[in-house]
C-alpha cells in the first residue's frame, strides 16, 4: 500500500514522464513512454493524439507500481512554445508546431518597428522562432482556414490537462512564451495589431491554481480517480525550478533533455533584464513562485544524442569518457534542428568533421557531449561566469556518465548531479500538492563532480578548434540555404 501522493505529468518533446510524489517530497515511482516527433518535410511538429496515447501507456505502467486510488491531486509540466489548436472539446485540429520549428520566421521579419519594440519593452525578449508567437503568426498568414476553426490555442501541457478535465486554459509561464502577455493578462492591444483573434487566447490561471478535476471518461482510461484535483501546471523549465526547490543567484541550473537548457536566477518582482552581454542570447521568463530567470536553449541536446544512439547503439554512450585529447581532430557540430541560443540560426545543420579510419563510435559520443558543453560555456560567459560557484545538472542526459564531468571541466565549476533527473515532473507534482493548500519541499540528493584542473589547457585547445569549426559550418549552412543558390536548383 502506498501513501497518498500527487501525480506529476511532464510532457516532453519525445516522451511523457509520470511521477508519484508523497507529502514528504519523496518520489515513490516513475514511469515514462516514448512518442517522438512527427516526420514532416516543412518543420518540427507532433501529433497531439500521440501525446495522449503516450500518457495512457505511462499511466498503465505506473499503475503497476503504486495504487492509483491513492492519487489525491496532479499537476502538469510541458515542453515550451508548442502551439496546439483545439476545438470546443479540447481536441487538436492540426499538428502541434514545436519549439524547434522555424515556421513563422517570415512573419516575424515582417513585424513593424513599433510592434517589435513593444514586444521587447514589455517582455524583455527579442522575437525569434523559438517563441510560440511565430507559430501563431504562421497559422494566421498561411493556414488561416485552420486557425479560424480553432476555439483556442493551448500549450503542450494544457492540451493534456484539457483531455483530463475539459478545461481550456493556460498559465503565465507558458503564456509568456507567446510574447503576447503583459503582467498576468493578455496584451490585447498587441494581439489586435497583429490581426489575431482575441478569443484564441484562453484564460490565464496561476500554475498551482485549480485547473479542473478529472472527469469520468478520462478516469476510466487513465486509472486516475474521478474528481481528482488538477493543478494548472507550468512550462517545463519553470517546473524544473520548482522541482529543485528554487534557484539561487550563485547557482546555475542545466537540464540535459531533448533541448539542453541553461537557467540563471534574476531578481524577484518587476521583470528584470539579464546581464547586458546576454540580452538577445538569453530569454527572460517568470517562475511559478514570482521570481524571474534567464534561459538559454540549445535546440538539440538529447535530441542529437538520441539520433547518435539510433546509429551506434547505447554501448558507446555508456563507455564515453571525459578525457580531452589534443591530438584527436574530431569535431561534432550538433545542430540537427538549428542552433538555438545565442544566434538562433534555424538553417544550421549538424556536421561531423575530422573523421578518420580510426574514428570510433565512442569518440563520436564524446565529441557530441563536449560540443554541447562548449555551447553552454559560451552562454555562461555571457551571463558572467564569475557570478556562479556551482552548477546543478538534471535531465536524462545527466545519466550519461561522461557528460556531467565534461561540463565540470569545461565550465571549471563543481557540478552537482541530482539523483532524481526528472525535476519537471517533480515540480508538476508539487503544483498538485499546492492546489490542495499543502507546501511540499522536494528531496534533492545528489553527487558533486569537481573540475579536473590538469586538463584545463587540453580542453581549451579543443574548445578553440570547435569554435573555429562552428564558425565555418554556419557560413557553409548560410551559403547552402541562400536564396540565390535555391533559385538555381
Protein backbone atom coordinates (compact mmCIF):
# COMPACT_ATOMS: atom_id res chain seq x y z
CA UNK A 1 0.00 0.00 0.00
CA UNK A 2 1.40 3.41 -0.93
CA UNK A 3 0.95 6.72 0.85
CA UNK A 4 -1.30 9.40 -0.64
CA UNK A 5 0.56 11.08 -3.46
CA UNK A 6 0.39 13.83 -6.04
CA UNK A 7 0.94 12.84 -9.64
CA UNK A 8 3.32 14.89 -11.75
CA UNK A 9 2.85 14.63 -15.53
CA UNK A 10 5.69 16.01 -17.64
CA UNK A 11 5.04 16.11 -21.39
CA UNK A 12 8.42 16.31 -23.12
CA UNK A 13 9.20 16.62 -26.80
CA UNK A 14 9.89 12.91 -27.20
CA UNK A 15 8.37 11.27 -24.11
CA UNK A 16 5.85 11.56 -21.28
CA UNK A 17 7.01 11.04 -17.70
CA UNK A 18 4.61 10.42 -14.82
CA UNK A 19 5.85 10.57 -11.23
CA UNK A 20 4.29 9.89 -7.83
CA UNK A 21 5.39 12.29 -5.06
CA UNK A 22 4.29 11.93 -1.45
CA UNK A 23 3.79 14.77 1.02
CA UNK A 24 7.37 14.47 2.35
CA UNK A 25 8.79 15.20 -1.12
CA UNK A 26 9.78 11.57 -1.64
CA UNK A 27 9.44 10.08 -5.14
CA UNK A 28 7.50 6.82 -4.89
CA UNK A 29 7.53 5.75 -8.52
CA UNK A 30 8.33 6.99 -12.03
CA UNK A 31 7.20 5.77 -15.43
CA UNK A 32 7.68 7.02 -18.96
CA UNK A 33 6.59 6.38 -22.52
CA UNK A 34 8.21 7.43 -25.79
CA UNK A 35 6.32 9.17 -28.58
CA UNK A 36 8.90 11.08 -30.63
CA UNK A 37 8.11 13.74 -33.20
CA UNK A 38 6.17 13.55 -36.45
CA UNK A 39 8.10 13.29 -39.69
CA UNK A 40 7.46 16.43 -41.71
CA UNK A 41 9.35 17.99 -44.63
CA UNK A 42 8.28 21.50 -43.61
CA UNK A 43 9.09 21.71 -39.91
CA UNK A 44 9.26 20.12 -36.46
CA UNK A 45 5.81 19.07 -35.32
CA UNK A 46 3.92 16.46 -33.34
CA UNK A 47 0.56 14.74 -33.41
CA UNK A 48 -1.08 15.66 -30.06
CA UNK A 49 -3.08 12.43 -30.10
CA UNK A 50 0.27 10.60 -29.79
CA UNK A 51 0.91 12.57 -26.58
CA UNK A 52 -2.38 11.33 -25.17
CA UNK A 53 -1.66 7.72 -26.13
CA UNK A 54 1.83 8.05 -24.65
CA UNK A 55 0.29 9.29 -21.38
CA UNK A 56 -2.08 6.31 -21.29
CA UNK A 57 0.87 3.91 -21.70
CA UNK A 58 2.86 5.63 -18.96
CA UNK A 59 -0.15 5.61 -16.62
CA UNK A 60 -0.69 1.90 -17.19
CA UNK A 61 2.91 1.21 -16.22
CA UNK A 62 2.73 3.48 -13.16
CA UNK A 63 -0.42 1.67 -12.07
CA UNK A 64 1.70 -1.47 -11.73
CA UNK A 65 3.95 0.31 -9.20
CA UNK A 66 1.53 2.27 -7.00
CA UNK A 67 -2.16 2.20 -6.06
CA UNK A 68 -3.92 4.71 -8.28
CA UNK A 69 -6.63 5.02 -5.61
CA UNK A 70 -4.01 6.91 -3.54
CA UNK A 71 -3.76 9.80 -6.04
CA UNK A 72 -5.07 12.93 -4.29
CA UNK A 73 -4.00 15.58 -6.85
CA UNK A 74 -1.99 16.04 -10.01
CA UNK A 75 -0.14 18.77 -11.85
CA UNK A 76 1.45 19.32 -15.24
CA UNK A 77 4.66 20.34 -16.92
CA UNK A 78 5.17 20.56 -20.66
CA UNK A 79 7.58 21.35 -23.47
CA UNK A 80 7.61 25.09 -24.04
CA UNK A 81 6.45 27.06 -27.08
CA UNK A 82 4.31 24.31 -28.56
CA UNK A 83 1.15 25.58 -30.24
CA UNK A 84 -1.84 23.24 -30.19
CA UNK A 85 -5.03 24.42 -31.93
CA UNK A 86 -8.09 22.83 -30.32
CA UNK A 87 -11.86 22.80 -30.73
CA UNK A 88 -14.55 23.30 -28.05
CA UNK A 89 -13.91 19.80 -26.68
CA UNK A 90 -10.15 20.34 -26.34
CA UNK A 91 -9.37 18.06 -29.28
CA UNK A 92 -6.49 19.06 -31.56
CA UNK A 93 -7.49 20.06 -35.09
CA UNK A 94 -3.94 20.24 -36.51
CA UNK A 95 -0.37 19.12 -35.76
CA UNK A 96 1.34 20.90 -32.88
CA UNK A 97 4.23 23.11 -34.02
CA UNK A 98 7.16 22.63 -31.61
CA UNK A 99 9.86 24.90 -30.22
CA UNK A 100 12.42 23.86 -32.85
CA UNK A 101 10.01 24.58 -35.73
CA UNK A 102 11.20 27.54 -37.81
CA UNK A 103 7.86 28.32 -39.46
CA UNK A 104 6.89 31.91 -38.77
CA UNK A 105 10.33 33.38 -39.46
CA UNK A 106 9.00 35.35 -42.44
CA UNK A 107 6.07 36.66 -40.39
CA UNK A 108 8.41 37.75 -37.57
CA UNK A 109 10.61 39.54 -40.10
CA UNK A 110 7.51 41.43 -41.29
CA UNK A 111 6.73 42.87 -37.85
CA UNK A 112 6.72 46.64 -37.80
CA UNK A 113 9.35 48.50 -35.84
CA UNK A 114 6.67 49.58 -33.36
CA UNK A 115 5.42 46.01 -32.85
CA UNK A 116 8.93 44.67 -32.34
CA UNK A 117 9.86 47.42 -29.89
CA UNK A 118 6.63 46.89 -27.97
CA UNK A 119 7.41 43.17 -27.57
CA UNK A 120 10.98 43.82 -26.42
CA UNK A 121 9.87 46.53 -23.99
CA UNK A 122 7.06 44.50 -22.41
CA UNK A 123 8.66 41.02 -22.32
CA UNK A 124 12.40 41.68 -22.44
CA UNK A 125 12.68 39.22 -25.32
CA UNK A 126 13.58 39.63 -28.98
CA UNK A 127 11.02 37.89 -31.25
CA UNK A 128 12.50 34.61 -32.53
CA UNK A 129 11.00 31.42 -33.90
CA UNK A 130 11.55 29.62 -30.59
CA UNK A 131 8.60 31.63 -29.18
CA UNK A 132 5.04 30.49 -29.85
CA UNK A 133 4.23 33.87 -31.39
CA UNK A 134 5.97 32.71 -34.57
CA UNK A 135 3.70 29.68 -34.94
CA UNK A 136 0.57 31.73 -34.31
CA UNK A 137 1.57 34.25 -36.97
CA UNK A 138 2.37 31.44 -39.41
CA UNK A 139 -1.05 29.81 -38.94
CA UNK A 140 -2.71 33.20 -39.40
CA UNK A 141 -0.79 34.02 -42.58
CA UNK A 142 -0.52 30.61 -44.25
CA UNK A 143 -3.39 28.45 -42.96
CA UNK A 144 -5.98 30.88 -41.66
CA UNK A 145 -8.67 28.37 -42.66
CA UNK A 146 -7.45 26.06 -39.89
CA UNK A 147 -6.86 28.86 -37.38
CA UNK A 148 -10.42 30.09 -37.96
CA UNK A 149 -11.74 26.68 -36.87
CA UNK A 150 -9.82 26.73 -33.59
CA UNK A 151 -11.59 27.64 -30.37
CA UNK A 152 -8.31 28.49 -28.61
CA UNK A 153 -4.63 27.65 -28.82
CA UNK A 154 -3.03 25.74 -25.97
CA UNK A 155 0.48 24.83 -24.91
CA UNK A 156 1.51 21.18 -24.73
CA UNK A 157 0.70 20.54 -21.07
CA UNK A 158 -2.59 22.47 -21.39
CA UNK A 159 -3.72 20.07 -24.10
CA UNK A 160 -3.20 17.03 -21.88
CA UNK A 161 -4.92 18.77 -18.98
CA UNK A 162 -7.88 19.58 -21.24
CA UNK A 163 -8.14 15.91 -22.19
CA UNK A 164 -8.39 15.04 -18.48
CA UNK A 165 -10.64 17.87 -17.29
CA UNK A 166 -12.28 19.59 -20.27
CA UNK A 167 -10.90 22.95 -19.03
CA UNK A 168 -9.37 25.18 -21.73
CA UNK A 169 -6.86 27.49 -20.01
CA UNK A 170 -3.14 28.18 -19.64
CA UNK A 171 -0.74 29.65 -17.09
CA UNK A 172 1.53 32.72 -17.22
CA UNK A 173 4.79 30.76 -17.68
CA UNK A 174 3.61 29.19 -20.94
CA UNK A 175 1.65 32.29 -21.99
CA UNK A 176 4.82 34.38 -21.62
CA UNK A 177 6.38 32.35 -24.44
CA UNK A 178 3.83 33.82 -26.83
CA UNK A 179 5.31 37.29 -26.16
CA UNK A 180 1.68 38.48 -26.07
CA UNK A 181 1.29 38.87 -22.32
CA UNK A 182 1.61 41.96 -20.16
CA UNK A 183 1.94 41.19 -16.46
CA UNK A 184 -0.61 38.46 -15.83
CA UNK A 185 -3.01 39.46 -18.63
CA UNK A 186 -3.07 39.05 -22.38
CA UNK A 187 -1.76 42.09 -24.26
CA UNK A 188 -4.96 42.67 -26.24
CA UNK A 189 -3.62 45.84 -27.88
CA UNK A 190 -0.70 43.94 -29.40
CA UNK A 191 -2.90 40.94 -30.25
CA UNK A 192 -5.23 43.22 -32.18
CA UNK A 193 -2.37 44.95 -34.01
CA UNK A 194 -1.11 41.56 -35.22
CA UNK A 195 -4.51 40.65 -36.66
CA UNK A 196 -5.03 37.74 -34.25
CA UNK A 197 -8.43 36.89 -32.82
CA UNK A 198 -8.75 37.70 -29.11
CA UNK A 199 -10.93 34.66 -28.46
CA UNK A 200 -7.99 32.40 -29.44
CA UNK A 201 -6.31 33.25 -26.14
CA UNK A 202 -7.55 31.14 -23.21
CA UNK A 203 -7.99 32.21 -19.57
CA UNK A 204 -4.79 32.66 -17.53
CA UNK A 205 -4.53 30.89 -14.17
CA UNK A 206 -1.58 30.53 -11.77
CA UNK A 207 0.46 27.31 -12.00
CA UNK A 208 -0.80 25.93 -8.69
CA UNK A 209 -4.38 27.12 -9.22
CA UNK A 210 -7.20 24.65 -9.62
CA UNK A 211 -7.37 23.72 -13.30
CA UNK A 212 -10.38 21.44 -13.08
CA UNK A 213 -10.85 17.85 -11.95
CA UNK A 214 -10.54 14.52 -13.70
CA UNK A 215 -13.80 13.69 -15.49
CA UNK A 216 -15.35 10.24 -15.72
CA UNK A 217 -14.21 9.36 -19.27
CA UNK A 218 -10.57 10.30 -18.51
CA UNK A 219 -10.69 8.43 -15.20
CA UNK A 220 -11.76 5.25 -16.98
CA UNK A 221 -8.90 5.48 -19.47
CA UNK A 222 -6.09 6.57 -17.13
CA UNK A 223 -6.97 4.91 -13.82
CA UNK A 224 -6.86 8.28 -12.03
CA UNK A 225 -9.87 8.54 -9.69
CA UNK A 226 -12.74 10.65 -10.99
CA UNK A 227 -12.86 14.07 -9.35
CA UNK A 228 -9.12 14.20 -8.57
CA UNK A 229 -7.94 17.81 -8.16
CA UNK A 230 -5.87 19.03 -11.13
CA UNK A 231 -3.43 21.96 -10.87
CA UNK A 232 -2.77 24.16 -13.90
CA UNK A 233 0.96 23.42 -14.11
CA UNK A 234 3.67 25.31 -15.99
CA UNK A 235 6.22 25.16 -18.76
CA UNK A 236 8.86 22.51 -18.17
CA UNK A 237 11.71 24.86 -17.25
CA UNK A 238 9.62 26.71 -14.66
CA UNK A 239 8.50 23.32 -13.32
CA UNK A 240 12.13 22.17 -13.09
CA UNK A 241 12.97 25.22 -10.97
CA UNK A 242 10.03 24.34 -8.70
CA UNK A 243 11.24 20.74 -8.62
CA UNK A 244 14.70 21.75 -7.43
CA UNK A 245 13.25 23.90 -4.66
CA UNK A 246 14.13 27.21 -6.32
CA UNK A 247 17.17 28.72 -7.99
CA UNK A 248 19.70 30.84 -6.06
CA UNK A 249 21.66 33.74 -7.54
CA UNK A 250 25.05 31.97 -7.23
CA UNK A 251 23.78 28.78 -8.85
CA UNK A 252 23.38 27.75 -12.47
CA UNK A 253 20.97 25.03 -13.50
CA UNK A 254 21.45 22.93 -16.62
CA UNK A 255 18.88 20.50 -17.96
CA UNK A 256 20.16 17.92 -20.44
CA UNK A 257 16.87 16.98 -22.07
CA UNK A 258 15.85 16.90 -25.73
CA UNK A 259 16.99 20.50 -25.71
CA UNK A 260 19.89 21.48 -23.46
CA UNK A 261 18.93 24.49 -21.36
CA UNK A 262 20.80 26.87 -19.08
CA UNK A 263 18.91 28.67 -16.31
CA UNK A 264 20.13 31.55 -14.16
CA UNK A 265 18.14 33.35 -11.47
CA UNK A 266 17.27 37.02 -11.89
CA UNK A 267 15.51 39.31 -9.41
CA UNK A 268 12.12 38.95 -7.80
CA UNK A 269 9.27 41.31 -8.64
CA UNK A 270 9.11 43.52 -11.75
CA UNK A 271 10.67 41.86 -14.78
CA UNK A 272 14.44 42.44 -14.71
CA UNK A 273 16.84 42.38 -17.64
CA UNK A 274 19.54 39.71 -17.93
CA UNK A 275 23.19 40.84 -17.92
CA UNK A 276 23.98 43.15 -20.84
CA UNK A 277 26.02 40.59 -22.79
CA UNK A 278 23.20 38.05 -22.50
CA UNK A 279 20.45 40.27 -23.92
CA UNK A 280 19.14 38.66 -27.10
CA UNK A 281 21.09 35.47 -26.43
CA UNK A 282 19.10 34.57 -23.31
CA UNK A 283 15.36 34.95 -22.96
CA UNK A 284 13.60 36.15 -19.80
CA UNK A 285 10.84 34.09 -18.14
CA UNK A 286 8.74 34.09 -14.98
CA UNK A 287 8.94 31.23 -12.48
CA UNK A 288 5.84 29.95 -10.76
CA UNK A 289 6.98 31.48 -7.44
CA UNK A 290 7.18 35.08 -8.69
CA UNK A 291 10.92 35.13 -9.40
CA UNK A 292 12.45 35.54 -12.86
CA UNK A 293 15.14 33.62 -14.68
CA UNK A 294 17.27 33.93 -17.79
CA UNK A 295 17.06 30.96 -20.14
CA UNK A 296 19.39 29.84 -22.88
CA UNK A 297 18.21 26.94 -25.00
CA UNK A 298 20.21 24.74 -27.38
CA UNK A 299 17.63 23.15 -29.64
CA UNK A 300 19.49 19.87 -29.96
CA UNK A 301 20.88 18.43 -26.75
CA UNK A 302 19.50 15.00 -26.03
CA UNK A 303 17.86 15.09 -29.48
CA UNK A 304 21.31 14.83 -31.07
CA UNK A 305 22.39 12.16 -28.59
CA UNK A 306 19.26 10.10 -29.31
CA UNK A 307 19.97 10.41 -33.04
CA UNK A 308 23.51 9.16 -32.49
CA UNK A 309 22.25 6.33 -30.26
CA UNK A 310 19.96 5.18 -33.08
CA UNK A 311 23.04 4.76 -35.28
CA UNK A 312 25.77 3.46 -32.96
CA UNK A 313 23.70 1.91 -30.15
CA UNK A 314 23.83 2.50 -26.40
CA UNK A 315 27.17 0.85 -25.59
CA UNK A 316 29.43 3.68 -26.87
CA UNK A 317 27.36 6.18 -24.85
CA UNK A 318 27.96 4.19 -21.68
CA UNK A 319 31.69 3.89 -22.48
CA UNK A 320 32.28 7.60 -23.24
CA UNK A 321 34.92 9.32 -21.10
CA UNK A 322 35.71 12.89 -20.09
CA UNK A 323 39.29 12.77 -21.33
CA UNK A 324 40.23 15.52 -23.83
CA UNK A 325 42.74 14.52 -26.49
CA UNK A 326 44.73 17.32 -28.09
CA UNK A 327 45.65 15.02 -30.98
CA UNK A 328 42.05 13.98 -31.76
CA UNK A 329 40.80 16.19 -34.62
CA UNK A 330 37.15 15.11 -34.35
CA UNK A 331 34.58 17.93 -34.09
CA UNK A 332 30.83 17.37 -33.82
CA UNK A 333 28.51 20.27 -34.78
CA UNK A 334 25.25 19.18 -33.09
CA UNK A 335 22.76 21.46 -34.87
CA UNK A 336 20.22 18.90 -36.07
CA UNK A 337 17.38 21.45 -35.68
CA UNK A 338 19.24 24.76 -35.77
CA UNK A 339 21.47 26.38 -33.18
CA UNK A 340 19.17 27.95 -30.60
CA UNK A 341 20.91 30.37 -28.24
CA UNK A 342 22.78 32.60 -28.77
CA UNK A 343 22.34 33.16 -32.52
CA UNK A 344 19.11 31.26 -33.35
CA UNK A 345 20.16 30.15 -36.83
CA UNK A 346 17.36 27.84 -37.97
CA UNK A 347 19.12 26.91 -41.23
CA UNK A 348 22.14 25.41 -39.43
CA UNK A 349 22.63 21.67 -39.80
CA UNK A 350 24.67 19.05 -37.99
CA UNK A 351 28.15 18.21 -39.22
CA UNK A 352 30.98 15.90 -38.16
CA UNK A 353 34.50 17.00 -39.09
CA UNK A 354 37.85 15.27 -38.73
CA UNK A 355 36.66 11.70 -39.27
CA UNK A 356 39.46 9.22 -39.97
CA UNK A 357 39.71 5.43 -40.48
CA UNK A 358 40.41 5.09 -36.75
CA UNK A 359 37.44 7.15 -35.52
CA UNK A 360 35.31 5.17 -33.08
CA UNK A 361 31.67 5.42 -32.03
CA UNK A 362 32.85 6.24 -28.51
CA UNK A 363 34.78 9.25 -29.84
CA UNK A 364 31.67 10.45 -31.69
CA UNK A 365 29.72 10.41 -28.42
CA UNK A 366 32.49 12.26 -26.58
CA UNK A 367 32.70 14.88 -29.35
CA UNK A 368 28.93 15.42 -29.18
CA UNK A 369 28.91 15.82 -25.39
CA UNK A 370 31.81 18.27 -25.44
CA UNK A 371 30.27 20.30 -28.29
CA UNK A 372 27.13 20.96 -26.26
CA UNK A 373 29.32 21.73 -23.22
CA UNK A 374 31.24 24.31 -25.29
CA UNK A 375 27.99 25.97 -26.42
CA UNK A 376 26.75 26.01 -22.82
CA UNK A 377 30.04 27.58 -21.69
CA UNK A 378 29.58 30.38 -24.25
CA UNK A 379 26.17 31.17 -22.73
CA UNK A 380 27.54 31.09 -19.18
CA UNK A 381 30.25 33.56 -20.14
CA UNK A 382 27.58 35.96 -21.39
CA UNK A 383 25.87 35.73 -18.03
CA UNK A 384 29.13 36.45 -16.22
CA UNK A 385 30.76 33.16 -15.25
CA UNK A 386 32.42 34.70 -12.19
CA UNK A 387 28.99 35.20 -10.58
CA UNK A 388 28.43 31.46 -10.09
CA UNK A 389 30.08 28.98 -7.76
CA UNK A 390 28.32 25.75 -8.68
CA UNK A 391 26.04 24.08 -11.23
CA UNK A 392 23.08 21.72 -10.75
CA UNK A 393 22.51 19.27 -13.61
CA UNK A 394 19.36 17.27 -14.26
CA UNK A 395 17.55 15.64 -17.17
CA UNK A 396 18.03 12.34 -18.91
CA UNK A 397 21.43 13.38 -20.29
CA UNK A 398 22.78 13.65 -16.74
CA UNK A 399 22.74 9.84 -16.71
CA UNK A 400 25.39 9.74 -19.46
CA UNK A 401 28.36 9.27 -17.16
CA UNK A 402 30.87 11.38 -19.08
CA UNK A 403 28.63 14.37 -19.78
CA UNK A 404 28.41 16.00 -16.31
CA UNK A 405 32.18 15.62 -15.83
CA UNK A 406 32.81 17.24 -19.23
CA UNK A 407 30.57 20.11 -18.12
CA UNK A 408 32.51 20.48 -14.87
CA UNK A 409 35.83 20.51 -16.73
CA UNK A 410 34.73 22.93 -19.46
CA UNK A 411 32.85 25.31 -17.12
CA UNK A 412 35.53 24.95 -14.42
CA UNK A 413 32.82 24.77 -11.77
CA UNK A 414 31.66 21.99 -9.43
CA UNK A 415 28.67 20.15 -10.90
CA UNK A 416 26.04 18.52 -8.72
CA UNK A 417 24.23 15.68 -10.48
CA UNK A 418 20.85 15.12 -8.88
CA UNK A 419 19.78 11.58 -8.07
CA UNK A 420 16.32 12.41 -9.41
CA UNK A 421 16.73 13.62 -13.02
CA UNK A 422 13.03 14.30 -13.64
CA UNK A 423 12.78 17.70 -11.95
CA UNK A 424 9.98 18.95 -14.21
CA UNK A 425 7.79 16.00 -13.20
CA UNK A 426 8.64 16.66 -9.53
CA UNK A 427 7.66 20.31 -9.96
CA UNK A 428 4.41 19.29 -11.63
CA UNK A 429 3.56 17.04 -8.68
CA UNK A 430 4.35 19.89 -6.25
CA UNK A 431 1.80 22.06 -8.08
CA UNK A 432 -0.76 19.35 -7.33
CA UNK A 433 0.02 19.47 -3.61
CA UNK A 434 -0.14 23.28 -3.68
CA UNK A 435 -3.57 23.15 -5.31
CA UNK A 436 -4.64 21.30 -2.15
CA UNK A 437 -3.14 24.04 0.01
CA UNK A 438 -0.12 21.97 1.07
CA UNK A 439 3.55 23.02 0.93
CA UNK A 440 5.93 20.25 -0.12
CA UNK A 441 9.71 20.54 -0.45
CA UNK A 442 11.49 18.18 -2.86
CA UNK A 443 14.29 15.92 -1.64
CA UNK A 444 17.17 16.62 -4.00
CA UNK A 445 20.13 14.50 -3.03
CA UNK A 446 22.97 14.09 -5.49
CA UNK A 447 26.71 13.73 -6.03
CA UNK A 448 29.15 16.52 -6.86
CA UNK A 449 31.85 16.35 -9.52
CA UNK A 450 34.84 18.71 -9.34
CA UNK A 451 36.77 20.00 -12.37
CA UNK A 452 39.95 18.21 -13.40
CA UNK A 453 42.23 21.24 -13.38
CA UNK A 454 45.11 19.34 -15.01
CA UNK A 455 43.08 19.01 -18.24
CA UNK A 456 42.22 22.74 -18.49
CA UNK A 457 44.70 23.51 -21.29
CA UNK A 458 43.71 20.44 -23.33
CA UNK A 459 40.04 21.43 -23.08
CA UNK A 460 40.87 24.97 -24.16
CA UNK A 461 42.61 23.64 -27.30
CA UNK A 462 39.57 21.53 -28.16
CA UNK A 463 37.20 24.41 -27.50
CA UNK A 464 39.12 26.72 -29.85
CA UNK A 465 39.00 24.03 -32.55
CA UNK A 466 35.25 23.63 -32.02
CA UNK A 467 34.57 27.37 -32.17
CA UNK A 468 36.55 27.69 -35.41
CA UNK A 469 34.67 24.73 -36.93
CA UNK A 470 31.37 26.18 -35.70
CA UNK A 471 32.02 29.45 -37.49
CA UNK A 472 32.91 27.66 -40.72
CA UNK A 473 29.89 25.32 -40.54
CA UNK A 474 27.46 28.22 -40.05
CA UNK A 475 28.98 30.04 -43.00
CA UNK A 476 28.56 26.89 -45.10
CA UNK A 477 24.94 26.45 -43.96
CA UNK A 478 24.23 30.06 -44.90
CA UNK A 479 25.64 29.52 -48.40
CA UNK A 480 23.76 26.26 -48.94
CA UNK A 481 20.50 27.89 -47.85
CA UNK A 482 20.96 31.21 -49.63
CA UNK A 483 18.05 32.36 -51.85
CA UNK A 484 20.39 32.62 -54.82
CA UNK A 485 21.53 29.02 -54.52
CA UNK A 486 17.96 27.73 -54.05
CA UNK A 487 16.84 29.67 -57.12
CA UNK A 488 19.35 27.79 -59.29
CA UNK A 489 18.38 24.34 -58.05
